[in-house]
Structures are given as structure tokens and as C-alpha cells.
């Protein structure tokens, strides 16, 4: 499944530093893969796209790594209504 994450960033420096670890696919648990990262220009917010076997697995991984550097909201993406998901782009090629 695809999971969206919205980050409200409290400490940009810490979030970016910790984010390097969390976005490295080699560090992710089985079934979790980072796909996209979209930070705001002022680094007060960001949105990420992940592939994960569950929202809970991803939440545990991200919250455990990013800690208090940001507040995170998670949601399963509706593939039926989404635009631009990797599987959709591959089908267009």
C-alpha cells in the first residue's frame, strides 16, 4: 500500500539530519520503502510518500527515528483516486 505522511517540523536541522537515516531504504524495516520527499521552502512542513505493508509499521519507524523534531500525520492513500503514483507512471510508459 502507499502511505502519505505530513510532517509539521519543529526543529528543521534535527529533522533533516534524522531524515537522512529514515529515508535510506537500507535502514527501513521489511516491507517499507521511501518514495518521495517534498519539504516546504521554509522547512516548517513536509509531505512524504512511502510504500509500506501497514500504516502502523511506518508510523513506528518514522516516529522512532525522527522523534520530537516533527509531528507526523499518516494516511493510507486511495490508489483508485490518486494521481501520479509510481505504479500509474509505470503503466503510462
PDB file of N, CA and C in Angstrom:
ATOM      1  N   UNK A   1       0.842  -1.171   0.000  1.00  0.00           N
ATOM      2  CA  UNK A   1       0.000   0.000   0.000  1.00  0.00           C
ATOM      3  C   UNK A   1       0.888   1.236   0.000  1.00  0.00           C
ATOM      4  N   UNK A   2       0.314   2.353  -0.449  1.00  0.00           N
ATOM      5  CA  UNK A   2       1.011   3.635  -0.375  1.00  0.00           C
ATOM      6  C   UNK A   2       0.507   4.393   0.846  1.00  0.00           C
ATOM      7  N   UNK A   3       1.441   5.067   1.517  1.00  0.00           N
ATOM      8  CA  UNK A   3       1.112   5.827   2.719  1.00  0.00           C
ATOM      9  C   UNK A   3       1.673   7.232   2.567  1.00  0.00           C
ATOM     10  N   UNK A   4       0.835   8.224   2.854  1.00  0.00           N
ATOM     11  CA  UNK A   4       1.275   9.611   2.885  1.00  0.00           C
ATOM     12  C   UNK A   4       1.583  10.015   4.314  1.00  0.00           C
ATOM     13  N   UNK A   5       2.602  10.851   4.458  1.00  0.00           N
ATOM     14  CA  UNK A   5       2.970  11.370   5.772  1.00  0.00           C
ATOM     15  C   UNK A   5       3.095  12.881   5.652  1.00  0.00           C
ATOM     16  N   UNK A   6       2.427  13.583   6.551  1.00  0.00           N
ATOM     17  CA  UNK A   6       2.531  15.037   6.629  1.00  0.00           C
ATOM     18  C   UNK A   6       3.304  15.358   7.900  1.00  0.00           C
ATOM     19  N   UNK A   7       4.397  16.097   7.740  1.00  0.00           N
ATOM     20  CA  UNK A   7       5.257  16.458   8.868  1.00  0.00           C
ATOM     21  C   UNK A   7       5.083  17.938   9.199  1.00  0.00           C
ATOM     22  N   UNK A   8       4.790  18.248  10.443  1.00  0.00           N
ATOM     23  CA  UNK A   8       4.849  19.621  10.952  1.00  0.00           C
ATOM     24  C   UNK A   8       6.193  19.704  11.673  1.00  0.00           C
ATOM     25  N   UNK A   9       7.123  20.443  11.095  1.00  0.00           N
ATOM     26  CA  UNK A   9       8.512  20.412  11.551  1.00  0.00           C
ATOM     27  C   UNK A   9       8.742  21.410  12.678  1.00  0.00           C
ATOM     28  N   UNK A  10       9.252  20.908  13.804  1.00  0.00           N
ATOM     29  CA  UNK A  10       9.578  21.740  14.965  1.00  0.00           C
ATOM     30  C   UNK A  10      11.040  22.160  14.973  1.00  0.00           C
ATOM     31  N   UNK A  11      11.919  21.301  14.491  1.00  0.00           N
ATOM     32  CA  UNK A  11      13.365  21.534  14.501  1.00  0.00           C
ATOM     33  C   UNK A  11      13.919  21.087  13.149  1.00  0.00           C
ATOM     34  N   UNK A  12      13.991  22.021  12.178  1.00  0.00           N
ATOM     35  CA  UNK A  12      14.409  21.636  10.827  1.00  0.00           C
ATOM     36  C   UNK A  12      15.771  20.945  10.764  1.00  0.00           C
ATOM     37  N   UNK A  13      16.730  21.440  11.509  1.00  0.00           N
ATOM     38  CA  UNK A  13      18.072  20.855  11.462  1.00  0.00           C
ATOM     39  C   UNK A  13      18.051  19.395  11.927  1.00  0.00           C
ATOM     40  N   UNK A  14      17.389  19.145  13.052  1.00  0.00           N
ATOM     41  CA  UNK A  14      17.298  17.774  13.569  1.00  0.00           C
ATOM     42  C   UNK A  14      16.485  16.890  12.631  1.00  0.00           C
ATOM     43  N   UNK A  15      15.394  17.425  12.106  1.00  0.00           N
ATOM     44  CA  UNK A  15      14.548  16.630  11.220  1.00  0.00           C
ATOM     45  C   UNK A  15      15.310  16.228   9.963  1.00  0.00           C
ATOM     46  N   UNK A  16      16.040  17.145   9.360  1.00  0.00           N
ATOM     47  CA  UNK A  16      16.786  16.818   8.150  1.00  0.00           C
ATOM     48  C   UNK A  16      17.911  15.826   8.435  1.00  0.00           C
ATOM     49  N   UNK A  17      18.579  15.994   9.550  1.00  0.00           N
ATOM     50  CA  UNK A  17      19.652  15.070   9.922  1.00  0.00           C
ATOM     51  C   UNK A  17      19.102  13.668  10.169  1.00  0.00           C
ATOM     52  N   UNK A  18      18.057  13.583  10.965  1.00  0.00           N
ATOM     53  CA  UNK A  18      17.436  12.281  11.246  1.00  0.00           C
ATOM     54  C   UNK A  18      16.758  11.726  10.000  1.00  0.00           C
ATOM     55  N   UNK A  19      16.242  12.639   9.171  1.00  0.00           N
ATOM     56  CA  UNK A  19      15.572  12.236   7.940  1.00  0.00           C
ATOM     57  C   UNK A  19      16.488  11.522   6.967  1.00  0.00           C
ATOM     58  N   UNK A  20      17.771  11.855   6.995  1.00  0.00           N
ATOM     59  CA  UNK A  20      18.720  11.143   6.139  1.00  0.00           C
ATOM     60  C   UNK A  20      18.748   9.658   6.490  1.00  0.00           C
ATOM     61  N   UNK A  21      18.679   9.361   7.779  1.00  0.00           N
ATOM     62  CA  UNK A  21      18.653   7.953   8.210  1.00  0.00           C
ATOM     63  C   UNK A  21      17.336   7.284   7.822  1.00  0.00           C
ATOM     64  N   UNK A  22      16.234   7.986   8.084  1.00  0.00           N
ATOM     65  CA  UNK A  22      14.923   7.371   7.847  1.00  0.00           C
ATOM     66  C   UNK A  22      14.654   7.177   6.353  1.00  0.00           C
ATOM     67  N   UNK A  23      15.213   8.024   5.502  1.00  0.00           N
ATOM     68  CA  UNK A  23      14.943   7.917   4.068  1.00  0.00           C
ATOM     69  C   UNK A  23      15.866   6.936   3.354  1.00  0.00           C
ATOM     70  N   UNK A  24      16.839   6.385   4.054  1.00  0.00           N
ATOM     71  CA  UNK A  24      17.731   5.387   3.466  1.00  0.00           C
ATOM     72  C   UNK A  24      17.024   4.032   3.508  1.00  0.00           C
ATOM     73  N   UNK A  25      16.682   3.520   2.339  1.00  0.00           N
ATOM     74  CA  UNK A  25      15.919   2.269   2.263  1.00  0.00           C
ATOM     75  C   UNK A  25      16.619   1.114   2.974  1.00  0.00           C
ATOM     76  N   UNK A  26      17.936   1.159   3.067  1.00  0.00           N
ATOM     77  CA  UNK A  26      18.679   0.089   3.743  1.00  0.00           C
ATOM     78  C   UNK A  26      18.383   0.046   5.241  1.00  0.00           C
ATOM     79  N   UNK A  27      17.944   1.171   5.820  1.00  0.00           N
ATOM     80  CA  UNK A  27      17.629   1.234   7.247  1.00  0.00           C
ATOM     81  C   UNK A  27      16.182   0.873   7.555  1.00  0.00           C
ATOM     82  N   UNK A  28      15.342   0.829   6.537  1.00  0.00           N
ATOM     83  CA  UNK A  28      13.904   0.634   6.736  1.00  0.00           C
ATOM     84  C   UNK A  28      13.577  -0.817   7.083  1.00  0.00           C
ATOM     85  N   UNK A  29      12.505  -1.010   7.847  1.00  0.00           N
ATOM     86  CA  UNK A  29      12.059  -2.382   8.127  1.00  0.00           C
ATOM     87  C   UNK A  29      11.582  -3.070   6.845  1.00  0.00           C
ATOM     88  N   UNK A  30      11.505  -4.373   6.886  1.00  0.00           N
ATOM     89  CA  UNK A  30      10.985  -5.132   5.745  1.00  0.00           C
ATOM     90  C   UNK A  30       9.595  -4.625   5.389  1.00  0.00           C
ATOM     91  N   UNK A  31       9.344  -4.456   4.105  1.00  0.00           N
ATOM     92  CA  UNK A  31       8.037  -4.012   3.645  1.00  0.00           C
ATOM     93  C   UNK A  31       7.858  -2.509   3.609  1.00  0.00           C
ATOM     94  N   UNK A  32       8.904  -1.741   3.953  1.00  0.00           N
ATOM     95  CA  UNK A  32       8.824  -0.275   3.978  1.00  0.00           C
ATOM     96  C   UNK A  32       9.839   0.290   2.993  1.00  0.00           C
ATOM     97  N   UNK A  33       9.358   1.209   2.133  1.00  0.00           N
ATOM     98  CA  UNK A  33      10.249   1.800   1.134  1.00  0.00           C
ATOM     99  C   UNK A  33       9.918   3.277   0.941  1.00  0.00           C
ATOM    100  N   UNK A  34      10.910   4.169   1.105  1.00  0.00           N
ATOM    101  CA  UNK A  34      10.672   5.593   0.858  1.00  0.00           C
ATOM    102  C   UNK A  34      10.591   5.854  -0.648  1.00  0.00           C
ATOM    103  N   UNK A  35       9.657   6.733  -1.055  1.00  0.00           N
ATOM    104  CA  UNK A  35       9.485   7.031  -2.475  1.00  0.00           C
ATOM    105  C   UNK A  35       9.696   8.505  -2.809  1.00  0.00           C
ATOM    106  N   UNK A  36       9.114   9.413  -2.034  1.00  0.00           N
ATOM    107  CA  UNK A  36       9.164  10.847  -2.350  1.00  0.00           C
ATOM    108  C   UNK A  36       9.270  11.666  -1.072  1.00  0.00           C
ATOM    109  N   UNK A  37       9.918  12.832  -1.166  1.00  0.00           N
ATOM    110  CA  UNK A  37      10.029  13.773  -0.044  1.00  0.00           C
ATOM    111  C   UNK A  37       9.854  15.174  -0.596  1.00  0.00           C
ATOM    112  N   UNK A  38       8.886  15.921  -0.063  1.00  0.00           N
ATOM    113  CA  UNK A  38       8.561  17.258  -0.541  1.00  0.00           C
ATOM    114  C   UNK A  38       8.562  18.247   0.619  1.00  0.00           C
ATOM    115  N   UNK A  39       9.704  18.893   0.914  1.00  0.00           N
ATOM    116  CA  UNK A  39       9.758  19.869   2.007  1.00  0.00           C
ATOM    117  C   UNK A  39       9.301  21.251   1.544  1.00  0.00           C
ATOM    118  N   UNK A  40       8.706  22.007   2.456  1.00  0.00           N
ATOM    119  CA  UNK A  40       8.375  23.411   2.193  1.00  0.00           C
ATOM    120  C   UNK A  40       9.669  24.218   2.120  1.00  0.00           C
ATOM    121  N   UNK A  41       9.659  25.312   1.391  1.00  0.00           N
ATOM    122  CA  UNK A  41      10.868  26.120   1.246  1.00  0.00           C
ATOM    123  C   UNK A  41      11.359  26.661   2.578  1.00  0.00           C
ATOM    124  N   UNK A  42      10.451  26.913   3.519  1.00  0.00           N
ATOM    125  CA  UNK A  42      10.864  27.427   4.831  1.00  0.00           C
ATOM    126  C   UNK A  42      11.105  26.307   5.850  1.00  0.00           C
ATOM    127  N   UNK A  43      10.979  25.057   5.417  1.00  0.00           N
ATOM    128  CA  UNK A  43      11.224  23.871   6.251  1.00  0.00           C
ATOM    129  C   UNK A  43      10.351  23.797   7.501  1.00  0.00           C
ATOM    130  N   UNK A  44       9.144  24.339   7.427  1.00  0.00           N
ATOM    131  CA  UNK A  44       8.203  24.204   8.541  1.00  0.00           C
ATOM    132  C   UNK A  44       7.271  23.011   8.355  1.00  0.00           C
ATOM    133  N   UNK A  45       7.274  22.456   7.151  1.00  0.00           N
ATOM    134  CA  UNK A  45       6.394  21.330   6.840  1.00  0.00           C
ATOM    135  C   UNK A  45       7.003  20.509   5.711  1.00  0.00           C
ATOM    136  N   UNK A  46       6.545  19.277   5.608  1.00  0.00           N
ATOM    137  CA  UNK A  46       6.956  18.405   4.503  1.00  0.00           C
ATOM    138  C   UNK A  46       5.894  17.332   4.322  1.00  0.00           C
ATOM    139  N   UNK A  47       5.864  16.782   3.128  1.00  0.00           N
ATOM    140  CA  UNK A  47       4.989  15.660   2.819  1.00  0.00           C
ATOM    141  C   UNK A  47       5.840  14.565   2.194  1.00  0.00           C
ATOM    142  N   UNK A  48       5.579  13.331   2.580  1.00  0.00           N
ATOM    143  CA  UNK A  48       6.338  12.192   2.067  1.00  0.00           C
ATOM    144  C   UNK A  48       5.391  11.132   1.527  1.00  0.00           C
ATOM    145  N   UNK A  49       5.894  10.378   0.570  1.00  0.00           N
ATOM    146  CA  UNK A  49       5.179   9.225   0.037  1.00  0.00           C
ATOM    147  C   UNK A  49       6.025   7.990   0.306  1.00  0.00           C
ATOM    148  N   UNK A  50       5.390   6.981   0.877  1.00  0.00           N
ATOM    149  CA  UNK A  50       6.056   5.724   1.219  1.00  0.00           C
ATOM    150  C   UNK A  50       5.252   4.556   0.689  1.00  0.00           C
ATOM    151  N   UNK A  51       5.932   3.443   0.516  1.00  0.00           N
ATOM    152  CA  UNK A  51       5.268   2.172   0.298  1.00  0.00           C
ATOM    153  C   UNK A  51       5.494   1.369   1.578  1.00  0.00           C
ATOM    154  N   UNK A  52       4.431   0.787   2.117  1.00  0.00           N
ATOM    155  CA  UNK A  52       4.553   0.069   3.387  1.00  0.00           C
ATOM    156  C   UNK A  52       3.497  -1.019   3.467  1.00  0.00           C
ATOM    157  N   UNK A  53       3.805  -2.052   4.248  1.00  0.00           N
ATOM    158  CA  UNK A  53       2.817  -3.113   4.437  1.00  0.00           C
ATOM    159  C   UNK A  53       1.698  -2.679   5.370  1.00  0.00           C
ATOM    160  N   UNK A  54       1.944  -1.630   6.194  1.00  0.00           N
ATOM    161  CA  UNK A  54       0.889  -1.087   7.051  1.00  0.00           C
ATOM    162  C   UNK A  54       1.257   0.325   7.500  1.00  0.00           C
ATOM    163  N   UNK A  55       0.235   1.088   7.836  1.00  0.00           N
ATOM    164  CA  UNK A  55       0.455   2.434   8.376  1.00  0.00           C
ATOM    165  C   UNK A  55       1.180   2.332   9.715  1.00  0.00           C
ATOM    166  N   UNK A  56       0.816   1.355  10.528  1.00  0.00           N
ATOM    167  CA  UNK A  56       1.407   1.210  11.860  1.00  0.00           C
ATOM    168  C   UNK A  56       2.903   0.924  11.796  1.00  0.00           C
ATOM    169  N   UNK A  57       3.326   0.062  10.883  1.00  0.00           N
ATOM    170  CA  UNK A  57       4.754  -0.240  10.727  1.00  0.00           C
ATOM    171  C   UNK A  57       5.519   1.018  10.359  1.00  0.00           C
ATOM    172  N   UNK A  58       4.973   1.785   9.423  1.00  0.00           N
ATOM    173  CA  UNK A  58       5.629   3.021   9.001  1.00  0.00           C
ATOM    174  C   UNK A  58       5.661   4.033  10.137  1.00  0.00           C
ATOM    175  N   UNK A  59       4.551   4.176  10.858  1.00  0.00           N
ATOM    176  CA  UNK A  59       4.480   5.119  11.980  1.00  0.00           C
ATOM    177  C   UNK A  59       5.550   4.785  13.029  1.00  0.00           C
ATOM    178  N   UNK A  60       5.664   3.530  13.381  1.00  0.00           N
ATOM    179  CA  UNK A  60       6.667   3.123  14.371  1.00  0.00           C
ATOM    180  C   UNK A  60       8.073   3.480  13.902  1.00  0.00           C
ATOM    181  N   UNK A  61       8.356   3.233  12.637  1.00  0.00           N
ATOM    182  CA  UNK A  61       9.680   3.505  12.074  1.00  0.00           C
ATOM    183  C   UNK A  61       9.988   5.002  12.040  1.00  0.00           C
ATOM    184  N   UNK A  62       9.082   5.788  11.474  1.00  0.00           N
ATOM    185  CA  UNK A  62       9.341   7.226  11.331  1.00  0.00           C
ATOM    186  C   UNK A  62       9.337   7.927  12.681  1.00  0.00           C
ATOM    187  N   UNK A  63       8.315   7.693  13.494  1.00  0.00           N
ATOM    188  CA  UNK A  63       8.260   8.359  14.800  1.00  0.00           C
ATOM    189  C   UNK A  63       9.454   7.972  15.665  1.00  0.00           C
ATOM    190  N   UNK A  64       9.866   6.717  15.582  1.00  0.00           N
ATOM    191  CA  UNK A  64      11.004   6.261  16.361  1.00  0.00           C
ATOM    192  C   UNK A  64      12.317   6.875  15.923  1.00  0.00           C
ATOM    193  N   UNK A  65      12.418   7.255  14.653  1.00  0.00           N
ATOM    194  CA  UNK A  65      13.655   7.835  14.132  1.00  0.00           C
ATOM    195  C   UNK A  65      13.651   9.356  14.206  1.00  0.00           C
ATOM    196  N   UNK A  66      12.553   9.992  13.828  1.00  0.00           N
ATOM    197  CA  UNK A  66      12.517  11.460  13.797  1.00  0.00           C
ATOM    198  C   UNK A  66      12.275  12.071  15.168  1.00  0.00           C
ATOM    199  N   UNK A  67      11.684  11.302  16.083  1.00  0.00           N
ATOM    200  CA  UNK A  67      11.485  11.781  17.449  1.00  0.00           C
ATOM    201  C   UNK A  67      10.710  13.083  17.514  1.00  0.00           C
ATOM    202  N   UNK A  68      11.178  13.997  18.374  1.00  0.00           N
ATOM    203  CA  UNK A  68      10.467  15.256  18.609  1.00  0.00           C
ATOM    204  C   UNK A  68      10.813  16.344  17.599  1.00  0.00           C
ATOM    205  N   UNK A  69      11.533  16.017  16.538  1.00  0.00           N
ATOM    206  CA  UNK A  69      11.878  17.030  15.540  1.00  0.00           C
ATOM    207  C   UNK A  69      10.667  17.465  14.720  1.00  0.00           C
ATOM    208  N   UNK A  70       9.606  16.635  14.725  1.00  0.00           N
ATOM    209  CA  UNK A  70       8.396  16.982  13.984  1.00  0.00           C
ATOM    210  C   UNK A  70       7.206  16.190  14.517  1.00  0.00           C
ATOM    211  N   UNK A  71       6.019  16.687  14.192  1.00  0.00           N
ATOM    212  CA  UNK A  71       4.769  15.993  14.496  1.00  0.00           C
ATOM    213  C   UNK A  71       4.260  15.421  13.180  1.00  0.00           C
ATOM    214  N   UNK A  72       3.875  14.153  13.175  1.00  0.00           N
ATOM    215  CA  UNK A  72       3.560  13.455  11.935  1.00  0.00           C
ATOM    216  C   UNK A  72       2.121  12.960  11.904  1.00  0.00           C
ATOM    217  N   UNK A  73       1.513  13.081  10.732  1.00  0.00           N
ATOM    218  CA  UNK A  73       0.182  12.533  10.477  1.00  0.00           C
ATOM    219  C   UNK A  73       0.315  11.539   9.328  1.00  0.00           C
ATOM    220  N   UNK A  74      -0.374  10.415   9.435  1.00  0.00           N
ATOM    221  CA  UNK A  74      -0.251   9.320   8.475  1.00  0.00           C
ATOM    222  C   UNK A  74      -1.614   8.988   7.879  1.00  0.00           C
ATOM    223  N   UNK A  75      -1.619   8.610   6.593  1.00  0.00           N
ATOM    224  CA  UNK A  75      -2.865   8.174   5.977  1.00  0.00           C
ATOM    225  C   UNK A  75      -2.581   7.210   4.831  1.00  0.00           C
ATOM    226  N   UNK A  76      -3.437   6.196   4.711  1.00  0.00           N
ATOM    227  CA  UNK A  76      -3.348   5.289   3.570  1.00  0.00           C
ATOM    228  C   UNK A  76      -3.885   6.020   2.351  1.00  0.00           C
ATOM    229  N   UNK A  77      -3.169   5.934   1.251  1.00  0.00           N
ATOM    230  CA  UNK A  77      -3.546   6.633   0.023  1.00  0.00           C
ATOM    231  C   UNK A  77      -4.521   5.776  -0.780  1.00  0.00           C
ATOM    232  N   UNK A  78      -5.553   6.420  -1.283  1.00  0.00           N
ATOM    233  CA  UNK A  78      -6.512   5.757  -2.157  1.00  0.00           C
ATOM    234  C   UNK A  78      -5.904   5.672  -3.558  1.00  0.00           C
ATOM    235  N   UNK A  79      -5.393   4.509  -3.915  1.00  0.00           N
ATOM    236  CA  UNK A  79      -4.786   4.328  -5.238  1.00  0.00           C
ATOM    237  C   UNK A  79      -5.797   4.572  -6.351  1.00  0.00           C
ATOM    238  N   UNK A  80      -7.048   4.296  -6.060  1.00  0.00           N
ATOM    239  CA  UNK A  80      -8.109   4.487  -7.055  1.00  0.00           C
ATOM    240  C   UNK A  80      -8.260   5.957  -7.448  1.00  0.00           C
ATOM    241  N   UNK A  81      -8.063   6.868  -6.500  1.00  0.00           N
ATOM    242  CA  UNK A  81      -8.290   8.285  -6.759  1.00  0.00           C
ATOM    243  C   UNK A  81      -7.015   9.108  -6.874  1.00  0.00           C
ATOM    244  N   UNK A  82      -5.882   8.512  -6.610  1.00  0.00           N
ATOM    245  CA  UNK A  82      -4.610   9.244  -6.623  1.00  0.00           C
ATOM    246  C   UNK A  82      -4.150   9.519  -8.055  1.00  0.00           C
ATOM    247  N   UNK A  83      -3.286  10.503  -8.182  1.00  0.00           N
ATOM    248  CA  UNK A  83      -2.687  10.863  -9.463  1.00  0.00           C
ATOM    249  C   UNK A  83      -1.176  10.851  -9.300  1.00  0.00           C
ATOM    250  N   UNK A  84      -0.474  10.124 -10.162  1.00  0.00           N
ATOM    251  CA  UNK A  84       0.981  10.153 -10.167  1.00  0.00           C
ATOM    252  C   UNK A  84       1.686   9.128  -9.305  1.00  0.00           C
ATOM    253  N   UNK A  85       0.977   8.132  -8.788  1.00  0.00           N
ATOM    254  CA  UNK A  85       1.646   7.085  -8.014  1.00  0.00           C
ATOM    255  C   UNK A  85       2.608   6.320  -8.920  1.00  0.00           C
ATOM    256  N   UNK A  86       3.682   5.777  -8.369  1.00  0.00           N
ATOM    257  CA  UNK A  86       4.675   5.080  -9.196  1.00  0.00           C
ATOM    258  C   UNK A  86       4.083   4.010 -10.110  1.00  0.00           C
ATOM    259  N   UNK A  87       3.134   3.225  -9.625  1.00  0.00           N
ATOM    260  CA  UNK A  87       2.537   2.183 -10.468  1.00  0.00           C
ATOM    261  C   UNK A  87       1.779   2.791 -11.638  1.00  0.00           C
ATOM    262  N   UNK A  88       1.171   3.965 -11.432  1.00  0.00           N
ATOM    263  CA  UNK A  88       0.441   4.631 -12.507  1.00  0.00           C
ATOM    264  C   UNK A  88       1.409   5.166 -13.555  1.00  0.00           C
ATOM    265  N   UNK A  89       2.527   5.718 -13.110  1.00  0.00           N
ATOM    266  CA  UNK A  89       3.524   6.257 -14.027  1.00  0.00           C
ATOM    267  C   UNK A  89       4.148   5.132 -14.855  1.00  0.00           C
ATOM    268  N   UNK A  90       4.397   3.990 -14.243  1.00  0.00           N
ATOM    269  CA  UNK A  90       4.975   2.853 -14.958  1.00  0.00           C
ATOM    270  C   UNK A  90       4.012   2.349 -16.033  1.00  0.00           C
ATOM    271  N   UNK A  91       2.719   2.378 -15.741  1.00  0.00           N
ATOM    272  CA  UNK A  91       1.719   1.918 -16.704  1.00  0.00           C
ATOM    273  C   UNK A  91       1.642   2.843 -17.914  1.00  0.00           C
ATOM    274  N   UNK A  92       1.962   4.130 -17.714  1.00  0.00           N
ATOM    275  CA  UNK A  92       1.922   5.099 -18.815  1.00  0.00           C
ATOM    276  C   UNK A  92       3.127   4.977 -19.739  1.00  0.00           C
ATOM    277  N   UNK A  93       4.217   4.421 -19.235  1.00  0.00           N
ATOM    278  CA  UNK A  93       5.469   4.355 -20.022  1.00  0.00           C
ATOM    279  C   UNK A  93       5.395   3.339 -21.135  1.00  0.00           C
TER     280      UNK A  93
END
